[in-house]
């Protein structure tokens, strides 16, 4: 159960970081760059979650 809670905490903080960096990019460099960054981060997070799930199994 600790592992599941830890994964939830990691995902929570990653979403906060995505939100903060996304807002900064929109203000600083435009919407397209922000969307690109968010897509890349989302893909990395998805792969990380899948990898952690496979390690548990």
C-alpha atoms as a PDB file:
ATOM      1  CA  UNK A   1       0.000   0.000   0.000  1.00  0.00           C
ATOM      2  CA  UNK A   2       2.902   2.370   0.627  1.00  0.00           C
ATOM      3  CA  UNK A   3       4.023   1.974  -2.982  1.00  0.00           C
ATOM      4  CA  UNK A   4       0.577   2.916  -4.303  1.00  0.00           C
ATOM      5  CA  UNK A   5       0.475   5.980  -2.040  1.00  0.00           C
ATOM      6  CA  UNK A   6       3.965   6.981  -3.174  1.00  0.00           C
ATOM      7  CA  UNK A   7       2.958   6.706  -6.851  1.00  0.00           C
ATOM      8  CA  UNK A   8      -0.097   8.888  -6.197  1.00  0.00           C
ATOM      9  CA  UNK A   9       2.115  11.504  -4.506  1.00  0.00           C
ATOM     10  CA  UNK A  10       4.548  11.493  -7.441  1.00  0.00           C
ATOM     11  CA  UNK A  11       1.729  11.913  -9.961  1.00  0.00           C
ATOM     12  CA  UNK A  12       0.215  14.740  -7.862  1.00  0.00           C
ATOM     13  CA  UNK A  13       3.483  16.698  -7.749  1.00  0.00           C
ATOM     14  CA  UNK A  14       4.161  16.085 -11.438  1.00  0.00           C
ATOM     15  CA  UNK A  15       0.782  17.588 -12.323  1.00  0.00           C
ATOM     16  CA  UNK A  16       1.568  20.639 -10.170  1.00  0.00           C
ATOM     17  CA  UNK A  17       4.925  21.067 -11.937  1.00  0.00           C
ATOM     18  CA  UNK A  18       3.273  20.617 -15.347  1.00  0.00           C
ATOM     19  CA  UNK A  19       0.730  23.301 -14.438  1.00  0.00           C
ATOM     20  CA  UNK A  20       3.378  25.777 -13.213  1.00  0.00           C
ATOM     21  CA  UNK A  21       5.716  25.324 -16.194  1.00  0.00           C
ATOM     22  CA  UNK A  22       2.766  25.334 -18.613  1.00  0.00           C
ATOM     23  CA  UNK A  23       1.544  28.690 -17.307  1.00  0.00           C
ATOM     24  CA  UNK A  24       5.054  30.158 -17.473  1.00  0.00           C
ATOM     25  CA  UNK A  25       5.469  29.003 -21.066  1.00  0.00           C
ATOM     26  CA  UNK A  26       2.111  30.488 -22.094  1.00  0.00           C
ATOM     27  CA  UNK A  27       3.057  33.843 -20.586  1.00  0.00           C
ATOM     28  CA  UNK A  28       6.651  33.838 -21.832  1.00  0.00           C
ATOM     29  CA  UNK A  29       6.827  32.091 -25.188  1.00  0.00           C
ATOM     30  CA  UNK A  30       3.375  31.350 -26.537  1.00  0.00           C
ATOM     31  CA  UNK A  31       0.744  28.654 -26.445  1.00  0.00           C
ATOM     32  CA  UNK A  32       2.274  26.223 -28.959  1.00  0.00           C
ATOM     33  CA  UNK A  33       5.524  25.756 -27.053  1.00  0.00           C
ATOM     34  CA  UNK A  34       3.602  25.234 -23.813  1.00  0.00           C
ATOM     35  CA  UNK A  35       1.443  22.550 -25.424  1.00  0.00           C
ATOM     36  CA  UNK A  36       4.525  20.790 -26.808  1.00  0.00           C
ATOM     37  CA  UNK A  37       6.149  20.760 -23.365  1.00  0.00           C
ATOM     38  CA  UNK A  38       2.964  19.480 -21.707  1.00  0.00           C
ATOM     39  CA  UNK A  39       2.618  16.684 -24.266  1.00  0.00           C
ATOM     40  CA  UNK A  40       6.223  15.551 -23.748  1.00  0.00           C
ATOM     41  CA  UNK A  41       5.889  15.642 -19.953  1.00  0.00           C
ATOM     42  CA  UNK A  42       2.589  13.741 -20.103  1.00  0.00           C
ATOM     43  CA  UNK A  43       4.178  11.019 -22.264  1.00  0.00           C
ATOM     44  CA  UNK A  44       7.131  10.696 -19.890  1.00  0.00           C
ATOM     45  CA  UNK A  45       4.784  10.470 -16.885  1.00  0.00           C
ATOM     46  CA  UNK A  46       2.696   7.804 -18.603  1.00  0.00           C
ATOM     47  CA  UNK A  47       5.770   5.727 -19.406  1.00  0.00           C
ATOM     48  CA  UNK A  48       7.013   6.102 -15.832  1.00  0.00           C
ATOM     49  CA  UNK A  49       3.689   4.908 -14.403  1.00  0.00           C
ATOM     50  CA  UNK A  50       3.608   1.923 -16.781  1.00  0.00           C
ATOM     51  CA  UNK A  51       7.187   1.028 -15.852  1.00  0.00           C
ATOM     52  CA  UNK A  52       6.389   1.182 -12.127  1.00  0.00           C
ATOM     53  CA  UNK A  53       3.289  -0.982 -12.593  1.00  0.00           C
ATOM     54  CA  UNK A  54       5.308  -3.576 -14.529  1.00  0.00           C
ATOM     55  CA  UNK A  55       7.949  -3.648 -11.778  1.00  0.00           C
ATOM     56  CA  UNK A  56       5.305  -4.400  -9.156  1.00  0.00           C
ATOM     57  CA  UNK A  57       3.777  -7.282 -11.122  1.00  0.00           C
END
